[in-house]
PDB file of N, CA and C in Angstrom:
ATOM      1  N   UNK A   1      10.944 -19.751 -15.532  1.00  0.00           N
ATOM      2  CA  UNK A   1       9.896 -19.029 -16.275  1.00  0.00           C
ATOM      3  C   UNK A   1      10.573 -17.866 -17.025  1.00  0.00           C
ATOM      4  N   UNK A   2      10.133 -17.613 -18.212  1.00  0.00           N
ATOM      5  CA  UNK A   2      10.663 -16.527 -19.020  1.00  0.00           C
ATOM      6  C   UNK A   2       9.607 -15.405 -19.071  1.00  0.00           C
ATOM      7  N   UNK A   3      10.095 -14.196 -18.772  1.00  0.00           N
ATOM      8  CA  UNK A   3       9.215 -13.033 -18.920  1.00  0.00           C
ATOM      9  C   UNK A   3       9.539 -12.230 -20.066  1.00  0.00           C
ATOM     10  N   UNK A   4       8.608 -11.987 -20.926  1.00  0.00           N
ATOM     11  CA  UNK A   4       8.774 -11.157 -22.133  1.00  0.00           C
ATOM     12  C   UNK A   4       7.796 -10.037 -22.167  1.00  0.00           C
ATOM     13  N   UNK A   5       8.140  -8.944 -22.750  1.00  0.00           N
ATOM     14  CA  UNK A   5       7.148  -7.835 -22.967  1.00  0.00           C
ATOM     15  C   UNK A   5       6.288  -8.198 -24.224  1.00  0.00           C
ATOM     16  N   UNK A   6       5.030  -8.123 -23.904  1.00  0.00           N
ATOM     17  CA  UNK A   6       4.071  -8.516 -24.925  1.00  0.00           C
ATOM     18  C   UNK A   6       3.207  -7.243 -25.303  1.00  0.00           C
ATOM     19  N   UNK A   7       2.981  -7.139 -26.546  1.00  0.00           N
ATOM     20  CA  UNK A   7       2.229  -5.985 -27.111  1.00  0.00           C
ATOM     21  C   UNK A   7       0.681  -6.266 -27.089  1.00  0.00           C
ATOM     22  N   UNK A   8       0.326  -7.441 -27.379  1.00  0.00           N
ATOM     23  CA  UNK A   8      -1.083  -7.893 -27.358  1.00  0.00           C
ATOM     24  C   UNK A   8      -1.544  -8.212 -25.975  1.00  0.00           C
ATOM     25  N   UNK A   9      -2.430  -7.341 -25.411  1.00  0.00           N
ATOM     26  CA  UNK A   9      -2.792  -7.532 -24.003  1.00  0.00           C
ATOM     27  C   UNK A   9      -3.918  -8.476 -23.735  1.00  0.00           C
ATOM     28  N   UNK A  10      -4.441  -9.041 -24.787  1.00  0.00           N
ATOM     29  CA  UNK A  10      -5.585  -9.982 -24.643  1.00  0.00           C
ATOM     30  C   UNK A  10      -5.020 -11.411 -24.259  1.00  0.00           C
ATOM     31  N   UNK A  11      -5.853 -12.111 -23.561  1.00  0.00           N
ATOM     32  CA  UNK A  11      -5.422 -13.560 -23.212  1.00  0.00           C
ATOM     33  C   UNK A  11      -5.391 -14.274 -24.537  1.00  0.00           C
ATOM     34  N   UNK A  12      -4.470 -15.240 -24.692  1.00  0.00           N
ATOM     35  CA  UNK A  12      -4.352 -16.031 -25.867  1.00  0.00           C
ATOM     36  C   UNK A  12      -5.677 -16.756 -26.084  1.00  0.00           C
ATOM     37  N   UNK A  13      -6.024 -17.001 -27.351  1.00  0.00           N
ATOM     38  CA  UNK A  13      -7.297 -17.636 -27.725  1.00  0.00           C
ATOM     39  C   UNK A  13      -7.349 -19.081 -27.223  1.00  0.00           C
ATOM     40  N   UNK A  14      -6.257 -19.725 -27.028  1.00  0.00           N
ATOM     41  CA  UNK A  14      -6.206 -21.078 -26.556  1.00  0.00           C
ATOM     42  C   UNK A  14      -6.385 -21.220 -25.084  1.00  0.00           C
ATOM     43  N   UNK A  15      -6.482 -20.144 -24.252  1.00  0.00           N
ATOM     44  CA  UNK A  15      -6.638 -20.210 -22.815  1.00  0.00           C
ATOM     45  C   UNK A  15      -8.062 -19.711 -22.503  1.00  0.00           C
ATOM     46  N   UNK A  16      -8.818 -20.529 -21.794  1.00  0.00           N
ATOM     47  CA  UNK A  16     -10.157 -20.145 -21.335  1.00  0.00           C
ATOM     48  C   UNK A  16     -10.157 -19.974 -19.862  1.00  0.00           C
ATOM     49  N   UNK A  17     -10.236 -18.763 -19.272  1.00  0.00           N
ATOM     50  CA  UNK A  17     -10.240 -18.629 -17.798  1.00  0.00           C
ATOM     51  C   UNK A  17     -11.563 -19.191 -17.283  1.00  0.00           C
ATOM     52  N   UNK A  18     -11.473 -19.967 -16.142  1.00  0.00           N
ATOM     53  CA  UNK A  18     -12.634 -20.588 -15.494  1.00  0.00           C
ATOM     54  C   UNK A  18     -12.961 -19.820 -14.209  1.00  0.00           C
ATOM     55  N   UNK A  19     -11.930 -19.488 -13.422  1.00  0.00           N
ATOM     56  CA  UNK A  19     -12.125 -18.771 -12.150  1.00  0.00           C
ATOM     57  C   UNK A  19     -10.888 -18.078 -11.721  1.00  0.00           C
ATOM     58  N   UNK A  20     -11.077 -17.019 -10.915  1.00  0.00           N
ATOM     59  CA  UNK A  20     -10.076 -16.161 -10.353  1.00  0.00           C
ATOM     60  C   UNK A  20     -10.211 -16.082  -8.845  1.00  0.00           C
ATOM     61  N   UNK A  21      -9.133 -16.218  -8.117  1.00  0.00           N
ATOM     62  CA  UNK A  21      -9.208 -16.030  -6.625  1.00  0.00           C
ATOM     63  C   UNK A  21      -8.159 -14.943  -6.403  1.00  0.00           C
ATOM     64  N   UNK A  22      -8.494 -13.797  -5.871  1.00  0.00           N
ATOM     65  CA  UNK A  22      -7.628 -12.679  -5.610  1.00  0.00           C
ATOM     66  C   UNK A  22      -7.675 -12.354  -4.144  1.00  0.00           C
ATOM     67  N   UNK A  23      -6.426 -12.298  -3.525  1.00  0.00           N
ATOM     68  CA  UNK A  23      -6.272 -11.937  -2.142  1.00  0.00           C
ATOM     69  C   UNK A  23      -5.406 -10.765  -2.099  1.00  0.00           C
ATOM     70  N   UNK A  24      -5.913  -9.555  -1.614  1.00  0.00           N
ATOM     71  CA  UNK A  24      -5.071  -8.338  -1.626  1.00  0.00           C
ATOM     72  C   UNK A  24      -4.834  -7.954  -0.169  1.00  0.00           C
ATOM     73  N   UNK A  25      -3.678  -7.510   0.126  1.00  0.00           N
ATOM     74  CA  UNK A  25      -3.240  -7.076   1.484  1.00  0.00           C
ATOM     75  C   UNK A  25      -2.676  -5.605   1.327  1.00  0.00           C
ATOM     76  N   UNK A  26      -3.518  -4.581   1.282  1.00  0.00           N
ATOM     77  CA  UNK A  26      -3.022  -3.221   1.043  1.00  0.00           C
ATOM     78  C   UNK A  26      -2.293  -2.717   2.359  1.00  0.00           C
ATOM     79  N   UNK A  27      -1.184  -2.012   2.174  1.00  0.00           N
ATOM     80  CA  UNK A  27      -0.503  -1.346   3.285  1.00  0.00           C
ATOM     81  C   UNK A  27      -0.740   0.138   3.121  1.00  0.00           C
ATOM     82  N   UNK A  28      -1.749   0.632   3.827  1.00  0.00           N
ATOM     83  CA  UNK A  28      -2.205   2.041   3.629  1.00  0.00           C
ATOM     84  C   UNK A  28      -1.620   2.966   4.753  1.00  0.00           C
ATOM     85  N   UNK A  29      -0.673   2.345   5.630  1.00  0.00           N
ATOM     86  CA  UNK A  29      -0.329   3.151   6.746  1.00  0.00           C
ATOM     87  C   UNK A  29       1.168   3.613   6.594  1.00  0.00           C
ATOM     88  N   UNK A  30       1.520   3.964   5.329  1.00  0.00           N
ATOM     89  CA  UNK A  30       2.901   4.544   5.062  1.00  0.00           C
ATOM     90  C   UNK A  30       2.875   5.960   5.469  1.00  0.00           C
ATOM     91  N   UNK A  31       4.026   6.528   5.726  1.00  0.00           N
ATOM     92  CA  UNK A  31       4.103   8.009   6.017  1.00  0.00           C
ATOM     93  C   UNK A  31       3.742   8.872   4.768  1.00  0.00           C
ATOM     94  N   UNK A  32       4.117   8.358   3.659  1.00  0.00           N
ATOM     95  CA  UNK A  32       3.940   9.112   2.410  1.00  0.00           C
ATOM     96  C   UNK A  32       2.975   8.278   1.579  1.00  0.00           C
ATOM     97  N   UNK A  33       1.794   8.945   1.155  1.00  0.00           N
ATOM     98  CA  UNK A  33       0.842   8.148   0.372  1.00  0.00           C
ATOM     99  C   UNK A  33       1.449   7.576  -0.993  1.00  0.00           C
ATOM    100  N   UNK A  34       2.512   8.209  -1.417  1.00  0.00           N
ATOM    101  CA  UNK A  34       3.070   7.732  -2.615  1.00  0.00           C
ATOM    102  C   UNK A  34       3.772   6.424  -2.368  1.00  0.00           C
ATOM    103  N   UNK A  35       4.083   6.004  -1.191  1.00  0.00           N
ATOM    104  CA  UNK A  35       4.587   4.734  -0.819  1.00  0.00           C
ATOM    105  C   UNK A  35       3.635   3.601  -0.605  1.00  0.00           C
ATOM    106  N   UNK A  36       2.325   3.823  -0.953  1.00  0.00           N
ATOM    107  CA  UNK A  36       1.277   2.833  -0.851  1.00  0.00           C
ATOM    108  C   UNK A  36       1.728   1.511  -1.555  1.00  0.00           C
ATOM    109  N   UNK A  37       1.628   0.357  -0.845  1.00  0.00           N
ATOM    110  CA  UNK A  37       1.955  -0.864  -1.461  1.00  0.00           C
ATOM    111  C   UNK A  37       0.851  -1.882  -1.231  1.00  0.00           C
ATOM    112  N   UNK A  38       0.939  -3.004  -1.998  1.00  0.00           N
ATOM    113  CA  UNK A  38       0.014  -4.114  -1.870  1.00  0.00           C
ATOM    114  C   UNK A  38       0.925  -5.347  -1.926  1.00  0.00           C
ATOM    115  N   UNK A  39       0.370  -6.378  -1.166  1.00  0.00           N
ATOM    116  CA  UNK A  39       0.886  -7.687  -1.406  1.00  0.00           C
ATOM    117  C   UNK A  39      -0.329  -8.545  -1.571  1.00  0.00           C
ATOM    118  N   UNK A  40      -0.172  -9.718  -2.138  1.00  0.00           N
ATOM    119  CA  UNK A  40      -1.308 -10.548  -2.407  1.00  0.00           C
ATOM    120  C   UNK A  40      -1.059 -11.835  -3.099  1.00  0.00           C
ATOM    121  N   UNK A  41      -2.039 -12.546  -3.368  1.00  0.00           N
ATOM    122  CA  UNK A  41      -1.996 -13.844  -4.081  1.00  0.00           C
ATOM    123  C   UNK A  41      -3.105 -13.889  -5.175  1.00  0.00           C
ATOM    124  N   UNK A  42      -2.731 -14.275  -6.329  1.00  0.00           N
ATOM    125  CA  UNK A  42      -3.794 -14.456  -7.352  1.00  0.00           C
ATOM    126  C   UNK A  42      -3.663 -15.979  -7.853  1.00  0.00           C
ATOM    127  N   UNK A  43      -4.879 -16.651  -7.905  1.00  0.00           N
ATOM    128  CA  UNK A  43      -4.928 -17.953  -8.415  1.00  0.00           C
ATOM    129  C   UNK A  43      -5.924 -17.962  -9.578  1.00  0.00           C
ATOM    130  N   UNK A  44      -5.420 -18.369 -10.731  1.00  0.00           N
ATOM    131  CA  UNK A  44      -6.307 -18.402 -11.900  1.00  0.00           C
ATOM    132  C   UNK A  44      -6.426 -19.870 -12.372  1.00  0.00           C
ATOM    133  N   UNK A  45      -7.690 -20.264 -12.508  1.00  0.00           N
ATOM    134  CA  UNK A  45      -7.935 -21.637 -13.092  1.00  0.00           C
ATOM    135  C   UNK A  45      -8.311 -21.418 -14.516  1.00  0.00           C
ATOM    136  N   UNK A  46      -7.646 -22.103 -15.468  1.00  0.00           N
ATOM    137  CA  UNK A  46      -8.062 -21.890 -16.834  1.00  0.00           C
ATOM    138  C   UNK A  46      -7.912 -23.316 -17.526  1.00  0.00           C
ATOM    139  N   UNK A  47      -8.607 -23.335 -18.638  1.00  0.00           N
ATOM    140  CA  UNK A  47      -8.565 -24.554 -19.513  1.00  0.00           C
ATOM    141  C   UNK A  47      -7.687 -24.138 -20.777  1.00  0.00           C
ATOM    142  N   UNK A  48      -6.816 -25.091 -21.054  1.00  0.00           N
ATOM    143  CA  UNK A  48      -6.022 -24.866 -22.252  1.00  0.00           C
ATOM    144  C   UNK A  48      -6.733 -25.685 -23.375  1.00  0.00           C
ATOM    145  N   UNK A  49      -7.209 -24.913 -24.364  1.00  0.00           N
ATOM    146  CA  UNK A  49      -8.034 -25.558 -25.392  1.00  0.00           C
ATOM    147  C   UNK A  49      -7.212 -26.297 -26.362  1.00  0.00           C
ATOM    148  N   UNK A  50      -6.008 -25.933 -26.697  1.00  0.00           N
ATOM    149  CA  UNK A  50      -5.132 -26.650 -27.578  1.00  0.00           C
ATOM    150  C   UNK A  50      -3.688 -26.588 -26.978  1.00  0.00           C
ATOM    151  N   UNK A  51      -3.000 -27.673 -27.327  1.00  0.00           N
ATOM    152  CA  UNK A  51      -1.618 -27.859 -26.771  1.00  0.00           C
ATOM    153  C   UNK A  51      -0.760 -26.659 -27.090  1.00  0.00           C
ATOM    154  N   UNK A  52       0.073 -26.159 -26.073  1.00  0.00           N
ATOM    155  CA  UNK A  52       0.962 -25.065 -26.273  1.00  0.00           C
ATOM    156  C   UNK A  52       2.136 -25.195 -25.416  1.00  0.00           C
ATOM    157  N   UNK A  53       3.214 -24.512 -25.635  1.00  0.00           N
ATOM    158  CA  UNK A  53       4.338 -24.427 -24.742  1.00  0.00           C
ATOM    159  C   UNK A  53       4.434 -23.061 -24.183  1.00  0.00           C
ATOM    160  N   UNK A  54       3.451 -22.219 -24.253  1.00  0.00           N
ATOM    161  CA  UNK A  54       3.436 -20.877 -23.812  1.00  0.00           C
ATOM    162  C   UNK A  54       2.136 -20.489 -23.118  1.00  0.00           C
ATOM    163  N   UNK A  55       2.235 -19.851 -21.929  1.00  0.00           N
ATOM    164  CA  UNK A  55       1.120 -19.274 -21.213  1.00  0.00           C
ATOM    165  C   UNK A  55       1.405 -17.865 -20.952  1.00  0.00           C
ATOM    166  N   UNK A  56       0.540 -16.917 -21.359  1.00  0.00           N
ATOM    167  CA  UNK A  56       0.798 -15.496 -21.180  1.00  0.00           C
ATOM    168  C   UNK A  56      -0.138 -14.985 -20.143  1.00  0.00           C
ATOM    169  N   UNK A  57       0.434 -14.432 -19.035  1.00  0.00           N
ATOM    170  CA  UNK A  57      -0.340 -13.810 -18.007  1.00  0.00           C
ATOM    171  C   UNK A  57       0.179 -12.378 -17.898  1.00  0.00           C
ATOM    172  N   UNK A  58      -0.685 -11.403 -17.973  1.00  0.00           N
ATOM    173  CA  UNK A  58      -0.332  -9.973 -17.929  1.00  0.00           C
ATOM    174  C   UNK A  58      -0.178  -9.479 -16.545  1.00  0.00           C
ATOM    175  N   UNK A  59       0.890  -8.798 -16.251  1.00  0.00           N
ATOM    176  CA  UNK A  59       1.137  -8.272 -14.885  1.00  0.00           C
ATOM    177  C   UNK A  59       1.669  -6.803 -14.977  1.00  0.00           C
ATOM    178  N   UNK A  60       1.010  -5.945 -15.618  1.00  0.00           N
ATOM    179  CA  UNK A  60       1.503  -4.596 -15.836  1.00  0.00           C
ATOM    180  C   UNK A  60       1.651  -3.884 -14.493  1.00  0.00           C
ATOM    181  N   UNK A  61       2.839  -3.346 -14.160  1.00  0.00           N
ATOM    182  CA  UNK A  61       3.124  -2.639 -12.887  1.00  0.00           C
ATOM    183  C   UNK A  61       3.031  -3.510 -11.642  1.00  0.00           C
ATOM    184  N   UNK A  62       3.222  -4.827 -11.817  1.00  0.00           N
ATOM    185  CA  UNK A  62       3.221  -5.790 -10.669  1.00  0.00           C
ATOM    186  C   UNK A  62       4.603  -6.334 -10.542  1.00  0.00           C
ATOM    187  N   UNK A  63       5.025  -6.618  -9.372  1.00  0.00           N
ATOM    188  CA  UNK A  63       6.308  -7.283  -9.100  1.00  0.00           C
ATOM    189  C   UNK A  63       5.858  -8.734  -8.722  1.00  0.00           C
ATOM    190  N   UNK A  64       6.089  -9.661  -9.571  1.00  0.00           N
ATOM    191  CA  UNK A  64       5.724 -11.115  -9.380  1.00  0.00           C
ATOM    192  C   UNK A  64       6.948 -11.778  -8.695  1.00  0.00           C
ATOM    193  N   UNK A  65       6.754 -12.270  -7.482  1.00  0.00           N
ATOM    194  CA  UNK A  65       7.893 -12.779  -6.722  1.00  0.00           C
ATOM    195  C   UNK A  65       7.963 -14.303  -6.657  1.00  0.00           C
ATOM    196  N   UNK A  66       6.869 -15.002  -6.792  1.00  0.00           N
ATOM    197  CA  UNK A  66       6.900 -16.480  -6.692  1.00  0.00           C
ATOM    198  C   UNK A  66       5.954 -17.037  -7.732  1.00  0.00           C
ATOM    199  N   UNK A  67       6.206 -16.885  -8.972  1.00  0.00           N
ATOM    200  CA  UNK A  67       5.292 -17.472  -9.955  1.00  0.00           C
ATOM    201  C   UNK A  67       5.299 -18.985 -10.043  1.00  0.00           C
ATOM    202  N   UNK A  68       4.223 -19.574 -10.273  1.00  0.00           N
ATOM    203  CA  UNK A  68       4.224 -21.056 -10.412  1.00  0.00           C
ATOM    204  C   UNK A  68       3.105 -21.432 -11.399  1.00  0.00           C
ATOM    205  N   UNK A  69       3.241 -22.560 -11.984  1.00  0.00           N
ATOM    206  CA  UNK A  69       2.227 -23.022 -12.969  1.00  0.00           C
ATOM    207  C   UNK A  69       2.053 -24.483 -12.671  1.00  0.00           C
ATOM    208  N   UNK A  70       0.750 -24.914 -12.542  1.00  0.00           N
ATOM    209  CA  UNK A  70       0.497 -26.361 -12.250  1.00  0.00           C
ATOM    210  C   UNK A  70      -0.590 -26.837 -13.235  1.00  0.00           C
ATOM    211  N   UNK A  71      -0.325 -28.015 -13.688  1.00  0.00           N
ATOM    212  CA  UNK A  71      -1.220 -28.633 -14.644  1.00  0.00           C
ATOM    213  C   UNK A  71      -1.924 -29.807 -13.847  1.00  0.00           C
ATOM    214  N   UNK A  72      -2.877 -30.389 -14.408  1.00  0.00           N
ATOM    215  CA  UNK A  72      -3.591 -31.517 -13.826  1.00  0.00           C
ATOM    216  C   UNK A  72      -2.665 -32.665 -13.522  1.00  0.00           C
ATOM    217  N   UNK A  73      -1.561 -32.721 -14.264  1.00  0.00           N
ATOM    218  CA  UNK A  73      -0.648 -33.728 -14.028  1.00  0.00           C
ATOM    219  C   UNK A  73       0.500 -33.421 -12.984  1.00  0.00           C
ATOM    220  N   UNK A  74       0.404 -32.185 -12.523  1.00  0.00           N
ATOM    221  CA  UNK A  74       1.461 -31.824 -11.493  1.00  0.00           C
ATOM    222  C   UNK A  74       2.070 -30.384 -11.701  1.00  0.00           C
ATOM    223  N   UNK A  75       3.014 -30.097 -10.794  1.00  0.00           N
ATOM    224  CA  UNK A  75       3.694 -28.712 -10.852  1.00  0.00           C
ATOM    225  C   UNK A  75       4.595 -28.668 -12.009  1.00  0.00           C
ATOM    226  N   UNK A  76       4.555 -27.543 -12.771  1.00  0.00           N
ATOM    227  CA  UNK A  76       5.445 -27.377 -13.867  1.00  0.00           C
ATOM    228  C   UNK A  76       6.575 -26.483 -13.567  1.00  0.00           C
ATOM    229  N   UNK A  77       6.553 -25.776 -12.469  1.00  0.00           N
ATOM    230  CA  UNK A  77       7.720 -25.051 -11.969  1.00  0.00           C
ATOM    231  C   UNK A  77       7.735 -25.022 -10.514  1.00  0.00           C
TER     232      UNK A  77
END
C-alpha cells in the first residue's frame, strides 16, 4: 500500500460509504495524561461506483499498523 499526503480531505466521489464498525480500546491508566493512547479496529464497507486503482482513506494523527483492502472477489493486500 502506498501512503500519500492528500490535501482534499473529502472521500472521493466514486466511493460511497455503506457502514462503519469502530472498536476503540483507550488506555487511560498512563502515569502522564499526555501519554494517553488508543488501539482499535475500523472496518468500512463501501461501494465503488466507478472503476479505480486508488482508494483514499484519511487517517490524520493515526498510526495505521495493519492496513488491508478486500473486494468482493477477495483480499487485495
